[in-house]
Amino acid sequence: MNNPLSQITRLFDLLSDGNAHSTNEIQLKIYGREHLGYANIHGRVTDIRKKYGVNIINFKDDKIKTLSYYQIVSKEPERIRLEDTPEYSKYHYGEKPLQQIKLI
């Protein structure tokens, strides 16, 4: 019998790369398209903090107020510049204008 990985394990594996991951990305990769909301993401992040003892920061997108990012950091939390996040250049440097963003 094959034991599927728990949401906590899958989310920890995703965040372990040290990059910032948006709620949209987490939603798609961890929960799939059929999931109804983002409420479980923050709960699972809290579980990861407790289980693995890691420091995970959460910050909002300055342009899209409903979009949050989560990132594992190895030191005390500090403000991450939005320009340094992976999705920023995609939406702010001409690849996709903001009005064309389709939130999942």
N, C-alpha and C. Protein backbone atom coordinates (compact mmCIF):
# COMPACT_ATOMS: atom_id res chain seq x y z
N MET A 1 0.84 -1.18 0.00
CA MET A 1 0.00 0.00 0.00
C MET A 1 0.88 1.24 0.00
N ASN A 2 0.61 2.18 -0.88
CA ASN A 2 1.43 3.38 -1.02
C ASN A 2 0.92 4.48 -0.10
N ASN A 3 1.76 4.99 0.78
CA ASN A 3 1.38 6.07 1.69
C ASN A 3 1.68 7.42 1.06
N PRO A 4 0.66 8.22 0.76
CA PRO A 4 0.93 9.55 0.19
C PRO A 4 1.57 10.46 1.23
N LEU A 5 2.37 11.39 0.75
CA LEU A 5 3.01 12.34 1.65
C LEU A 5 1.95 13.29 2.21
N SER A 6 2.13 13.69 3.46
CA SER A 6 1.19 14.62 4.08
C SER A 6 1.37 16.02 3.48
N GLN A 7 0.36 16.85 3.67
CA GLN A 7 0.44 18.24 3.20
C GLN A 7 1.62 18.95 3.86
N ILE A 8 1.86 18.67 5.12
CA ILE A 8 2.97 19.31 5.84
C ILE A 8 4.30 18.93 5.18
N THR A 9 4.48 17.66 4.88
CA THR A 9 5.72 17.19 4.27
C THR A 9 5.90 17.79 2.88
N ARG A 10 4.85 17.78 2.07
CA ARG A 10 4.94 18.33 0.72
C ARG A 10 5.24 19.83 0.75
N LEU A 11 4.59 20.56 1.67
CA LEU A 11 4.83 22.00 1.77
C LEU A 11 6.24 22.28 2.27
N PHE A 12 6.71 21.51 3.24
CA PHE A 12 8.07 21.69 3.73
C PHE A 12 9.08 21.43 2.61
N ASP A 13 8.85 20.40 1.82
CA ASP A 13 9.74 20.11 0.70
C ASP A 13 9.77 21.28 -0.28
N LEU A 14 8.62 21.87 -0.56
CA LEU A 14 8.56 23.01 -1.47
C LEU A 14 9.32 24.22 -0.91
N LEU A 15 9.09 24.53 0.36
CA LEU A 15 9.71 25.71 0.99
C LEU A 15 11.19 25.51 1.29
N SER A 16 11.64 24.27 1.32
CA SER A 16 13.03 23.97 1.70
C SER A 16 14.07 24.53 0.75
N ASP A 17 13.66 24.98 -0.43
CA ASP A 17 14.64 25.53 -1.36
C ASP A 17 15.09 26.93 -0.97
N GLY A 18 14.44 27.53 0.05
CA GLY A 18 14.84 28.85 0.53
C GLY A 18 14.27 30.01 -0.26
N ASN A 19 13.55 29.72 -1.34
CA ASN A 19 12.93 30.78 -2.13
C ASN A 19 11.57 31.15 -1.57
N ALA A 20 11.09 32.33 -1.93
CA ALA A 20 9.74 32.75 -1.56
C ALA A 20 8.76 32.08 -2.51
N HIS A 21 7.68 31.56 -1.95
CA HIS A 21 6.64 30.91 -2.75
C HIS A 21 5.31 31.58 -2.46
N SER A 22 4.59 31.93 -3.53
CA SER A 22 3.32 32.63 -3.38
C SER A 22 2.22 31.65 -2.97
N THR A 23 1.17 32.22 -2.39
CA THR A 23 0.02 31.40 -2.02
C THR A 23 -0.58 30.74 -3.26
N ASN A 24 -0.55 31.42 -4.40
CA ASN A 24 -1.06 30.82 -5.64
C ASN A 24 -0.26 29.58 -6.02
N GLU A 25 1.07 29.68 -5.95
CA GLU A 25 1.93 28.55 -6.28
C GLU A 25 1.71 27.40 -5.31
N ILE A 26 1.66 27.70 -4.02
CA ILE A 26 1.44 26.68 -3.00
C ILE A 26 0.09 26.00 -3.21
N GLN A 27 -0.91 26.81 -3.47
CA GLN A 27 -2.26 26.29 -3.71
C GLN A 27 -2.24 25.25 -4.83
N LEU A 28 -1.61 25.59 -5.93
CA LEU A 28 -1.57 24.71 -7.09
C LEU A 28 -0.72 23.46 -6.85
N LYS A 29 0.48 23.63 -6.30
CA LYS A 29 1.40 22.51 -6.15
C LYS A 29 1.06 21.58 -5.00
N ILE A 30 0.51 22.10 -3.92
CA ILE A 30 0.26 21.28 -2.74
C ILE A 30 -1.18 20.79 -2.67
N TYR A 31 -2.12 21.67 -2.96
CA TYR A 31 -3.54 21.34 -2.79
C TYR A 31 -4.25 21.03 -4.09
N GLY A 32 -3.75 21.51 -5.21
CA GLY A 32 -4.40 21.28 -6.50
C GLY A 32 -5.47 22.31 -6.80
N ARG A 33 -5.96 22.28 -8.00
CA ARG A 33 -6.94 23.27 -8.45
C ARG A 33 -8.29 23.15 -7.77
N GLU A 34 -8.64 21.96 -7.31
CA GLU A 34 -9.97 21.76 -6.75
C GLU A 34 -10.15 22.30 -5.34
N HIS A 35 -9.05 22.69 -4.70
CA HIS A 35 -9.12 23.19 -3.33
C HIS A 35 -9.81 24.55 -3.29
N LEU A 36 -10.56 24.82 -2.25
CA LEU A 36 -11.42 26.00 -2.21
C LEU A 36 -10.81 27.26 -1.64
N GLY A 37 -9.71 27.20 -0.94
CA GLY A 37 -9.19 28.43 -0.35
C GLY A 37 -7.80 28.31 0.22
N TYR A 38 -7.34 29.41 0.81
CA TYR A 38 -5.97 29.50 1.32
C TYR A 38 -5.87 29.28 2.83
N ALA A 39 -6.97 29.01 3.48
CA ALA A 39 -6.95 28.92 4.94
C ALA A 39 -5.97 27.85 5.43
N ASN A 40 -5.87 26.73 4.76
CA ASN A 40 -5.00 25.65 5.21
C ASN A 40 -3.52 25.97 5.07
N ILE A 41 -3.17 26.86 4.16
CA ILE A 41 -1.75 27.15 3.93
C ILE A 41 -1.11 27.70 5.20
N HIS A 42 -1.70 28.71 5.80
CA HIS A 42 -1.09 29.29 6.99
C HIS A 42 -1.07 28.27 8.14
N GLY A 43 -2.11 27.47 8.24
CA GLY A 43 -2.14 26.43 9.27
C GLY A 43 -1.02 25.42 9.10
N ARG A 44 -0.78 25.01 7.85
CA ARG A 44 0.30 24.06 7.59
C ARG A 44 1.66 24.71 7.83
N VAL A 45 1.81 25.99 7.52
CA VAL A 45 3.07 26.70 7.79
C VAL A 45 3.33 26.71 9.30
N THR A 46 2.30 26.96 10.08
CA THR A 46 2.43 26.93 11.54
C THR A 46 2.86 25.54 12.00
N ASP A 47 2.27 24.51 11.43
CA ASP A 47 2.66 23.13 11.77
C ASP A 47 4.12 22.87 11.44
N ILE A 48 4.59 23.37 10.29
CA ILE A 48 5.99 23.19 9.88
C ILE A 48 6.92 23.88 10.86
N ARG A 49 6.56 25.09 11.27
CA ARG A 49 7.40 25.82 12.25
C ARG A 49 7.57 25.00 13.51
N LYS A 50 6.48 24.41 13.99
CA LYS A 50 6.53 23.62 15.22
C LYS A 50 7.29 22.30 15.02
N LYS A 51 6.98 21.61 13.93
CA LYS A 51 7.55 20.27 13.70
C LYS A 51 9.04 20.32 13.39
N TYR A 52 9.46 21.25 12.54
CA TYR A 52 10.84 21.29 12.07
C TYR A 52 11.68 22.38 12.72
N GLY A 53 11.06 23.27 13.48
CA GLY A 53 11.79 24.33 14.17
C GLY A 53 12.43 25.34 13.23
N VAL A 54 11.82 25.57 12.09
CA VAL A 54 12.37 26.51 11.12
C VAL A 54 11.68 27.87 11.23
N ASN A 55 12.36 28.88 10.75
CA ASN A 55 11.81 30.23 10.75
C ASN A 55 11.23 30.50 9.36
N ILE A 56 9.93 30.68 9.28
CA ILE A 56 9.26 30.96 8.01
C ILE A 56 8.64 32.35 8.10
N ILE A 57 8.99 33.20 7.14
CA ILE A 57 8.41 34.53 7.11
C ILE A 57 7.27 34.55 6.10
N ASN A 58 6.37 35.48 6.31
CA ASN A 58 5.23 35.69 5.43
C ASN A 58 5.18 37.16 5.09
N PHE A 59 5.03 37.49 3.82
CA PHE A 59 4.91 38.89 3.44
C PHE A 59 3.94 39.02 2.28
N LYS A 60 3.37 40.21 2.14
CA LYS A 60 2.36 40.50 1.13
C LYS A 60 2.98 41.13 -0.10
N ASP A 61 2.34 40.91 -1.23
CA ASP A 61 2.69 41.57 -2.48
C ASP A 61 2.19 43.01 -2.38
N ASP A 62 3.04 43.97 -2.72
CA ASP A 62 2.65 45.38 -2.63
C ASP A 62 1.61 45.77 -3.67
N LYS A 63 1.60 45.08 -4.80
CA LYS A 63 0.66 45.42 -5.88
C LYS A 63 -0.65 44.64 -5.80
N ILE A 64 -0.54 43.36 -5.50
CA ILE A 64 -1.71 42.49 -5.42
C ILE A 64 -1.91 42.15 -3.95
N LYS A 65 -2.77 42.87 -3.28
CA LYS A 65 -2.90 42.78 -1.83
C LYS A 65 -3.35 41.41 -1.32
N THR A 66 -4.00 40.62 -2.16
CA THR A 66 -4.46 39.31 -1.72
C THR A 66 -3.40 38.23 -1.87
N LEU A 67 -2.24 38.57 -2.44
CA LEU A 67 -1.19 37.59 -2.68
C LEU A 67 -0.14 37.67 -1.58
N SER A 68 0.12 36.55 -0.94
CA SER A 68 1.14 36.45 0.11
C SER A 68 2.25 35.53 -0.35
N TYR A 69 3.38 35.65 0.30
CA TYR A 69 4.53 34.80 0.05
C TYR A 69 4.99 34.18 1.36
N TYR A 70 5.50 32.95 1.29
CA TYR A 70 6.10 32.28 2.43
C TYR A 70 7.52 31.89 2.04
N GLN A 71 8.44 32.03 3.02
CA GLN A 71 9.84 31.71 2.75
C GLN A 71 10.51 31.25 4.03
N ILE A 72 11.26 30.15 3.94
CA ILE A 72 12.07 29.69 5.07
C ILE A 72 13.35 30.52 5.07
N VAL A 73 13.67 31.08 6.22
CA VAL A 73 14.91 31.85 6.37
C VAL A 73 15.72 31.23 7.49
N SER A 74 17.03 31.36 7.40
CA SER A 74 17.90 30.71 8.37
C SER A 74 18.31 31.63 9.52
N LYS A 75 17.89 32.87 9.45
CA LYS A 75 18.23 33.80 10.53
C LYS A 75 16.98 34.57 10.93
N GLU A 76 17.16 35.55 11.76
CA GLU A 76 16.02 36.35 12.20
C GLU A 76 15.27 36.94 11.02
N PRO A 77 13.95 37.06 11.13
CA PRO A 77 13.17 37.59 10.02
C PRO A 77 13.62 39.00 9.64
N GLU A 78 13.68 39.23 8.35
CA GLU A 78 13.96 40.56 7.86
C GLU A 78 13.03 40.81 6.68
N ARG A 79 12.79 42.05 6.40
CA ARG A 79 11.90 42.40 5.28
C ARG A 79 12.58 42.02 3.97
N ILE A 80 11.93 41.16 3.20
CA ILE A 80 12.42 40.78 1.89
C ILE A 80 11.85 41.76 0.88
N ARG A 81 12.72 42.31 0.05
CA ARG A 81 12.23 43.24 -0.96
C ARG A 81 11.41 42.46 -1.97
N LEU A 82 10.24 42.98 -2.31
CA LEU A 82 9.37 42.33 -3.26
C LEU A 82 10.09 42.10 -4.59
N GLU A 83 10.96 43.02 -4.96
CA GLU A 83 11.69 42.91 -6.22
C GLU A 83 12.58 41.67 -6.26
N ASP A 84 12.91 41.11 -5.09
CA ASP A 84 13.77 39.94 -5.02
C ASP A 84 13.00 38.63 -5.07
N THR A 85 11.68 38.68 -5.13
CA THR A 85 10.89 37.46 -5.17
C THR A 85 10.78 36.94 -6.60
N PRO A 86 10.64 35.62 -6.76
CA PRO A 86 10.66 35.04 -8.11
C PRO A 86 9.57 35.54 -9.04
N GLU A 87 8.38 35.78 -8.52
CA GLU A 87 7.27 36.15 -9.39
C GLU A 87 7.24 37.63 -9.74
N TYR A 88 8.01 38.45 -9.03
CA TYR A 88 7.93 39.89 -9.24
C TYR A 88 8.26 40.29 -10.67
N SER A 89 9.38 39.79 -11.18
CA SER A 89 9.81 40.21 -12.52
C SER A 89 8.82 39.75 -13.59
N LYS A 90 8.19 38.61 -13.35
CA LYS A 90 7.24 38.10 -14.32
C LYS A 90 6.08 39.08 -14.52
N TYR A 91 5.64 39.71 -13.45
CA TYR A 91 4.48 40.59 -13.51
C TYR A 91 4.82 42.07 -13.63
N HIS A 92 6.04 42.44 -13.27
CA HIS A 92 6.36 43.85 -13.19
C HIS A 92 7.38 44.31 -14.23
N TYR A 93 7.92 43.39 -15.00
CA TYR A 93 8.89 43.78 -16.02
C TYR A 93 8.47 43.37 -17.41
N GLY A 94 7.18 43.35 -17.67
CA GLY A 94 6.68 43.22 -19.02
C GLY A 94 6.29 41.84 -19.51
N GLU A 95 6.62 40.80 -18.77
CA GLU A 95 6.22 39.49 -19.26
C GLU A 95 4.70 39.34 -19.22
N LYS A 96 4.08 39.78 -18.14
CA LYS A 96 2.63 39.75 -18.01
C LYS A 96 2.18 41.03 -17.32
N PRO A 97 1.45 41.88 -18.00
CA PRO A 97 0.93 43.08 -17.34
C PRO A 97 -0.02 42.68 -16.21
N LEU A 98 -0.09 43.50 -15.18
CA LEU A 98 -0.91 43.18 -14.01
C LEU A 98 -2.36 42.89 -14.36
N GLN A 99 -2.93 43.60 -15.30
CA GLN A 99 -4.35 43.41 -15.62
C GLN A 99 -4.61 42.03 -16.25
N GLN A 100 -3.58 41.32 -16.68
CA GLN A 100 -3.77 40.02 -17.29
C GLN A 100 -3.54 38.86 -16.32
N ILE A 101 -3.21 39.15 -15.09
CA ILE A 101 -2.95 38.10 -14.11
C ILE A 101 -4.27 37.42 -13.78
N LYS A 102 -4.30 36.11 -13.89
CA LYS A 102 -5.49 35.34 -13.53
C LYS A 102 -5.17 34.58 -12.26
N LEU A 103 -5.78 34.97 -11.16
CA LEU A 103 -5.54 34.28 -9.90
C LEU A 103 -6.29 32.96 -9.91
N ILE A 104 -5.65 31.94 -9.40
CA ILE A 104 -6.25 30.60 -9.38
C ILE A 104 -7.21 30.50 -8.22
